[in-house]
Amino acid sequence: MSPTWLWPRWLFNRRVGKLLLWTALLLVAAVAANIAGIHYLGSVIGWERWLAEASGYFFLWRLCLYGTTGYGWIWMRRRLLAREPGTEARRRLLRAEVAGVAGIVALEASLLMQAA
């Protein structure tokens, strides 16, 4: 009989398992893309140069991603407020919105500072 503190119950939750699997798959895909890019361009320096040259396209991709996420957020927000019309739900949403926008601004600011 193993102690319960070694294997917490949340670790075997199906939802957590799916989240961990998706995270691992995304990490493997990112590593594979970097290895393929380095191999294709011949060196790490060539890969870094290509990334710098394509940074405008990556910025456009992020803007499209932010727009899609914003559209999904508005859709989810309407549904949540229809289901929970109280002020507590509005406060929770406002906190999440402020945190999300602050996170995106911090990410983009750090990327701009790296490029300078």
N, C-alpha and C. Protein backbone atom coordinates (compact mmCIF):
# COMPACT_ATOMS: atom_id res chain seq x y z
N MET A 1 0.85 -1.19 0.00
CA MET A 1 0.00 0.00 0.00
C MET A 1 0.88 1.24 0.00
N SER A 2 0.73 2.07 -1.02
CA SER A 2 1.58 3.26 -1.13
C SER A 2 0.94 4.44 -0.41
N PRO A 3 1.75 5.31 0.11
CA PRO A 3 1.21 6.51 0.77
C PRO A 3 0.50 7.40 -0.24
N THR A 4 -0.56 8.06 0.19
CA THR A 4 -1.35 8.90 -0.72
C THR A 4 -0.62 10.18 -1.11
N TRP A 5 0.35 10.60 -0.33
CA TRP A 5 1.04 11.85 -0.67
C TRP A 5 1.98 11.68 -1.85
N LEU A 6 2.35 10.44 -2.21
CA LEU A 6 3.23 10.24 -3.35
C LEU A 6 2.52 10.46 -4.68
N TRP A 7 1.28 10.01 -4.78
CA TRP A 7 0.52 10.14 -6.01
C TRP A 7 -0.81 10.84 -5.72
N PRO A 8 -0.84 12.16 -5.83
CA PRO A 8 -2.07 12.88 -5.54
C PRO A 8 -3.19 12.47 -6.50
N ARG A 9 -4.41 12.54 -6.03
CA ARG A 9 -5.56 12.12 -6.83
C ARG A 9 -5.74 13.00 -8.07
N TRP A 10 -5.42 14.31 -7.97
CA TRP A 10 -5.63 15.19 -9.11
C TRP A 10 -4.75 14.80 -10.29
N LEU A 11 -3.64 14.11 -10.02
CA LEU A 11 -2.74 13.71 -11.08
C LEU A 11 -3.38 12.67 -11.99
N PHE A 12 -4.29 11.88 -11.47
CA PHE A 12 -4.93 10.85 -12.26
C PHE A 12 -6.30 11.27 -12.78
N ASN A 13 -6.62 12.52 -12.63
CA ASN A 13 -7.86 13.07 -13.16
C ASN A 13 -7.76 13.08 -14.69
N ARG A 14 -8.82 12.70 -15.37
CA ARG A 14 -8.82 12.63 -16.84
C ARG A 14 -8.54 14.00 -17.46
N ARG A 15 -9.11 15.04 -16.87
CA ARG A 15 -8.91 16.40 -17.39
C ARG A 15 -7.45 16.82 -17.30
N VAL A 16 -6.86 16.56 -16.16
CA VAL A 16 -5.45 16.91 -15.96
C VAL A 16 -4.58 16.10 -16.90
N GLY A 17 -4.92 14.84 -17.07
CA GLY A 17 -4.16 13.99 -17.99
C GLY A 17 -4.19 14.52 -19.41
N LYS A 18 -5.37 14.95 -19.87
CA LYS A 18 -5.47 15.53 -21.22
C LYS A 18 -4.65 16.81 -21.34
N LEU A 19 -4.72 17.65 -20.30
CA LEU A 19 -3.96 18.89 -20.31
C LEU A 19 -2.46 18.62 -20.36
N LEU A 20 -2.01 17.67 -19.56
CA LEU A 20 -0.58 17.32 -19.57
C LEU A 20 -0.17 16.73 -20.92
N LEU A 21 -1.03 15.92 -21.52
CA LEU A 21 -0.72 15.34 -22.82
C LEU A 21 -0.62 16.42 -23.89
N TRP A 22 -1.57 17.36 -23.92
CA TRP A 22 -1.51 18.45 -24.90
C TRP A 22 -0.28 19.32 -24.69
N THR A 23 0.05 19.58 -23.44
CA THR A 23 1.24 20.39 -23.15
C THR A 23 2.49 19.69 -23.65
N ALA A 24 2.58 18.39 -23.38
CA ALA A 24 3.74 17.63 -23.85
C ALA A 24 3.80 17.60 -25.38
N LEU A 25 2.66 17.42 -26.04
CA LEU A 25 2.64 17.41 -27.50
C LEU A 25 3.06 18.75 -28.09
N LEU A 26 2.59 19.85 -27.50
CA LEU A 26 3.00 21.17 -27.98
C LEU A 26 4.48 21.42 -27.77
N LEU A 27 5.00 20.96 -26.64
CA LEU A 27 6.43 21.10 -26.37
C LEU A 27 7.25 20.30 -27.36
N VAL A 28 6.83 19.08 -27.64
CA VAL A 28 7.54 18.24 -28.62
C VAL A 28 7.47 18.88 -30.01
N ALA A 29 6.31 19.43 -30.39
CA ALA A 29 6.18 20.09 -31.69
C ALA A 29 7.09 21.31 -31.79
N ALA A 30 7.20 22.09 -30.71
CA ALA A 30 8.07 23.27 -30.73
C ALA A 30 9.53 22.87 -30.86
N VAL A 31 9.93 21.85 -30.11
CA VAL A 31 11.32 21.38 -30.19
C VAL A 31 11.60 20.83 -31.58
N ALA A 32 10.66 20.06 -32.12
CA ALA A 32 10.84 19.48 -33.46
C ALA A 32 10.94 20.58 -34.52
N ALA A 33 10.13 21.64 -34.40
CA ALA A 33 10.20 22.74 -35.37
C ALA A 33 11.55 23.43 -35.29
N ASN A 34 12.07 23.64 -34.10
CA ASN A 34 13.39 24.26 -33.96
C ASN A 34 14.49 23.38 -34.51
N ILE A 35 14.44 22.10 -34.22
CA ILE A 35 15.47 21.18 -34.74
C ILE A 35 15.40 21.11 -36.26
N ALA A 36 14.19 21.04 -36.81
CA ALA A 36 14.04 21.01 -38.27
C ALA A 36 14.55 22.30 -38.90
N GLY A 37 14.25 23.44 -38.29
CA GLY A 37 14.73 24.72 -38.82
C GLY A 37 16.23 24.83 -38.78
N ILE A 38 16.83 24.40 -37.70
CA ILE A 38 18.29 24.43 -37.59
C ILE A 38 18.91 23.50 -38.62
N HIS A 39 18.33 22.32 -38.78
CA HIS A 39 18.84 21.36 -39.76
C HIS A 39 18.69 21.90 -41.18
N TYR A 40 17.52 22.48 -41.48
CA TYR A 40 17.25 23.00 -42.82
C TYR A 40 18.16 24.17 -43.17
N LEU A 41 18.39 25.06 -42.24
CA LEU A 41 19.20 26.25 -42.50
C LEU A 41 20.69 26.03 -42.24
N GLY A 42 21.03 24.90 -41.67
CA GLY A 42 22.44 24.53 -41.55
C GLY A 42 23.12 24.91 -40.26
N SER A 43 22.57 25.86 -39.51
CA SER A 43 23.22 26.24 -38.26
C SER A 43 22.24 27.00 -37.38
N VAL A 44 22.63 27.14 -36.14
CA VAL A 44 21.80 27.90 -35.20
C VAL A 44 21.79 29.37 -35.60
N ILE A 45 22.92 29.87 -36.07
CA ILE A 45 23.00 31.28 -36.48
C ILE A 45 22.06 31.54 -37.65
N GLY A 46 22.03 30.63 -38.62
CA GLY A 46 21.12 30.78 -39.75
C GLY A 46 19.67 30.74 -39.31
N TRP A 47 19.36 29.87 -38.37
CA TRP A 47 18.00 29.76 -37.83
C TRP A 47 17.61 31.04 -37.11
N GLU A 48 18.52 31.59 -36.29
CA GLU A 48 18.24 32.84 -35.58
C GLU A 48 18.05 34.00 -36.56
N ARG A 49 18.85 34.03 -37.62
CA ARG A 49 18.72 35.08 -38.63
C ARG A 49 17.35 34.98 -39.32
N TRP A 50 16.94 33.74 -39.67
CA TRP A 50 15.65 33.57 -40.31
C TRP A 50 14.51 33.99 -39.37
N LEU A 51 14.62 33.65 -38.10
CA LEU A 51 13.60 34.06 -37.13
C LEU A 51 13.51 35.58 -37.05
N ALA A 52 14.66 36.26 -37.05
CA ALA A 52 14.66 37.72 -37.00
C ALA A 52 14.03 38.32 -38.26
N GLU A 53 14.33 37.73 -39.42
CA GLU A 53 13.77 38.23 -40.68
C GLU A 53 12.26 38.01 -40.76
N ALA A 54 11.77 36.95 -40.15
CA ALA A 54 10.35 36.61 -40.21
C ALA A 54 9.56 37.17 -39.03
N SER A 55 10.17 38.00 -38.22
CA SER A 55 9.50 38.49 -37.01
C SER A 55 8.23 39.27 -37.32
N GLY A 56 8.19 39.98 -38.44
CA GLY A 56 6.98 40.71 -38.82
C GLY A 56 5.80 39.77 -39.07
N TYR A 57 6.08 38.64 -39.71
CA TYR A 57 5.02 37.66 -39.95
C TYR A 57 4.55 37.03 -38.64
N PHE A 58 5.50 36.80 -37.74
CA PHE A 58 5.12 36.26 -36.43
C PHE A 58 4.26 37.25 -35.65
N PHE A 59 4.57 38.54 -35.79
CA PHE A 59 3.75 39.57 -35.14
C PHE A 59 2.34 39.57 -35.72
N LEU A 60 2.22 39.46 -37.04
CA LEU A 60 0.91 39.39 -37.67
C LEU A 60 0.15 38.15 -37.20
N TRP A 61 0.84 37.03 -37.07
CA TRP A 61 0.24 35.80 -36.57
C TRP A 61 -0.29 36.00 -35.15
N ARG A 62 0.50 36.66 -34.31
CA ARG A 62 0.06 36.89 -32.93
C ARG A 62 -1.16 37.81 -32.90
N LEU A 63 -1.19 38.83 -33.76
CA LEU A 63 -2.36 39.71 -33.81
C LEU A 63 -3.61 38.94 -34.20
N CYS A 64 -3.49 38.04 -35.18
CA CYS A 64 -4.64 37.21 -35.57
C CYS A 64 -5.05 36.30 -34.41
N LEU A 65 -4.08 35.76 -33.71
CA LEU A 65 -4.36 34.90 -32.57
C LEU A 65 -5.06 35.68 -31.46
N TYR A 66 -4.59 36.90 -31.19
CA TYR A 66 -5.23 37.74 -30.17
C TYR A 66 -6.65 38.09 -30.58
N GLY A 67 -6.86 38.39 -31.85
CA GLY A 67 -8.20 38.72 -32.33
C GLY A 67 -9.16 37.54 -32.18
N THR A 68 -8.70 36.36 -32.53
CA THR A 68 -9.52 35.16 -32.40
C THR A 68 -9.83 34.87 -30.93
N THR A 69 -8.83 35.03 -30.09
CA THR A 69 -9.03 34.82 -28.66
C THR A 69 -10.01 35.85 -28.11
N GLY A 70 -9.89 37.09 -28.54
CA GLY A 70 -10.82 38.14 -28.10
C GLY A 70 -12.25 37.83 -28.52
N TYR A 71 -12.43 37.35 -29.75
CA TYR A 71 -13.76 36.99 -30.22
C TYR A 71 -14.33 35.85 -29.37
N GLY A 72 -13.52 34.84 -29.11
CA GLY A 72 -13.96 33.73 -28.26
C GLY A 72 -14.27 34.19 -26.84
N TRP A 73 -13.48 35.12 -26.33
CA TRP A 73 -13.72 35.64 -24.99
C TRP A 73 -15.06 36.37 -24.91
N ILE A 74 -15.35 37.19 -25.92
CA ILE A 74 -16.62 37.92 -25.93
C ILE A 74 -17.79 36.94 -26.00
N TRP A 75 -17.67 35.90 -26.80
CA TRP A 75 -18.72 34.88 -26.90
C TRP A 75 -18.93 34.19 -25.56
N MET A 76 -17.81 33.81 -24.92
CA MET A 76 -17.89 33.14 -23.63
C MET A 76 -18.44 34.09 -22.55
N ARG A 77 -18.05 35.35 -22.63
CA ARG A 77 -18.49 36.33 -21.63
C ARG A 77 -20.00 36.51 -21.68
N ARG A 78 -20.56 36.62 -22.89
CA ARG A 78 -22.01 36.75 -23.03
C ARG A 78 -22.75 35.55 -22.44
N ARG A 79 -22.24 34.37 -22.72
CA ARG A 79 -22.88 33.16 -22.20
C ARG A 79 -22.80 33.10 -20.68
N LEU A 80 -21.64 33.46 -20.14
CA LEU A 80 -21.46 33.42 -18.68
C LEU A 80 -22.36 34.43 -17.99
N LEU A 81 -22.44 35.64 -18.53
CA LEU A 81 -23.27 36.67 -17.91
C LEU A 81 -24.75 36.35 -18.04
N ALA A 82 -25.14 35.62 -19.09
CA ALA A 82 -26.54 35.19 -19.21
C ALA A 82 -26.85 34.12 -18.17
N ARG A 83 -25.87 33.28 -17.88
CA ARG A 83 -26.07 32.20 -16.92
C ARG A 83 -25.94 32.70 -15.48
N GLU A 84 -25.00 33.63 -15.23
CA GLU A 84 -24.76 34.18 -13.89
C GLU A 84 -24.85 35.70 -13.96
N PRO A 85 -26.03 36.27 -13.83
CA PRO A 85 -26.18 37.72 -14.02
C PRO A 85 -25.71 38.57 -12.83
N GLY A 86 -25.20 37.99 -11.77
CA GLY A 86 -24.81 38.75 -10.59
C GLY A 86 -23.57 39.59 -10.78
N THR A 87 -23.32 40.45 -9.80
CA THR A 87 -22.16 41.34 -9.88
C THR A 87 -20.85 40.59 -9.62
N GLU A 88 -20.91 39.47 -8.89
CA GLU A 88 -19.69 38.72 -8.61
C GLU A 88 -19.09 38.15 -9.90
N ALA A 89 -19.95 37.68 -10.80
CA ALA A 89 -19.47 37.15 -12.09
C ALA A 89 -18.82 38.26 -12.90
N ARG A 90 -19.42 39.44 -12.87
CA ARG A 90 -18.82 40.58 -13.60
C ARG A 90 -17.45 40.95 -13.04
N ARG A 91 -17.33 40.92 -11.71
CA ARG A 91 -16.04 41.24 -11.09
C ARG A 91 -14.97 40.21 -11.45
N ARG A 92 -15.36 38.93 -11.43
CA ARG A 92 -14.41 37.87 -11.81
C ARG A 92 -13.95 38.04 -13.25
N LEU A 93 -14.90 38.33 -14.13
CA LEU A 93 -14.55 38.54 -15.54
C LEU A 93 -13.64 39.74 -15.71
N LEU A 94 -13.94 40.83 -15.00
CA LEU A 94 -13.10 42.02 -15.11
C LEU A 94 -11.68 41.74 -14.65
N ARG A 95 -11.54 41.01 -13.54
CA ARG A 95 -10.19 40.65 -13.07
C ARG A 95 -9.46 39.80 -14.10
N ALA A 96 -10.16 38.83 -14.69
CA ALA A 96 -9.53 37.98 -15.70
C ALA A 96 -9.16 38.78 -16.95
N GLU A 97 -10.02 39.72 -17.34
CA GLU A 97 -9.74 40.55 -18.51
C GLU A 97 -8.53 41.44 -18.28
N VAL A 98 -8.47 42.07 -17.12
CA VAL A 98 -7.32 42.94 -16.81
C VAL A 98 -6.04 42.12 -16.77
N ALA A 99 -6.08 40.94 -16.15
CA ALA A 99 -4.90 40.09 -16.08
C ALA A 99 -4.48 39.62 -17.47
N GLY A 100 -5.44 39.26 -18.31
CA GLY A 100 -5.13 38.83 -19.67
C GLY A 100 -4.50 39.92 -20.50
N VAL A 101 -5.09 41.11 -20.46
CA VAL A 101 -4.54 42.23 -21.23
C VAL A 101 -3.17 42.62 -20.70
N ALA A 102 -3.00 42.62 -19.39
CA ALA A 102 -1.68 42.94 -18.81
C ALA A 102 -0.64 41.91 -19.24
N GLY A 103 -1.03 40.65 -19.28
CA GLY A 103 -0.10 39.60 -19.72
C GLY A 103 0.31 39.77 -21.17
N ILE A 104 -0.66 40.08 -22.03
CA ILE A 104 -0.36 40.27 -23.45
C ILE A 104 0.53 41.51 -23.65
N VAL A 105 0.23 42.58 -22.94
CA VAL A 105 1.04 43.80 -23.05
C VAL A 105 2.46 43.52 -22.56
N ALA A 106 2.60 42.79 -21.46
CA ALA A 106 3.93 42.46 -20.95
C ALA A 106 4.69 41.59 -21.94
N LEU A 107 4.03 40.63 -22.55
CA LEU A 107 4.68 39.76 -23.53
C LEU A 107 5.15 40.56 -24.73
N GLU A 108 4.27 41.38 -25.29
CA GLU A 108 4.65 42.16 -26.47
C GLU A 108 5.72 43.20 -26.15
N ALA A 109 5.65 43.79 -24.95
CA ALA A 109 6.69 44.75 -24.56
C ALA A 109 8.04 44.07 -24.44
N SER A 110 8.05 42.87 -23.87
CA SER A 110 9.34 42.15 -23.74
C SER A 110 9.87 41.77 -25.13
N LEU A 111 8.99 41.42 -26.05
CA LEU A 111 9.45 41.09 -27.40
C LEU A 111 9.97 42.32 -28.11
N LEU A 112 9.32 43.49 -27.89
CA LEU A 112 9.81 44.73 -28.50
C LEU A 112 11.16 45.13 -27.92
N MET A 113 11.34 44.90 -26.62
CA MET A 113 12.62 45.26 -26.00
C MET A 113 13.74 44.35 -26.48
N GLN A 114 13.44 43.09 -26.78
CA GLN A 114 14.44 42.19 -27.32
C GLN A 114 14.85 42.58 -28.73
N ALA A 115 13.88 43.08 -29.50
CA ALA A 115 14.16 43.44 -30.88
C ALA A 115 14.98 44.71 -30.98
N ALA A 116 14.91 45.56 -29.96
CA ALA A 116 15.62 46.85 -30.02
C ALA A 116 17.09 46.70 -29.74
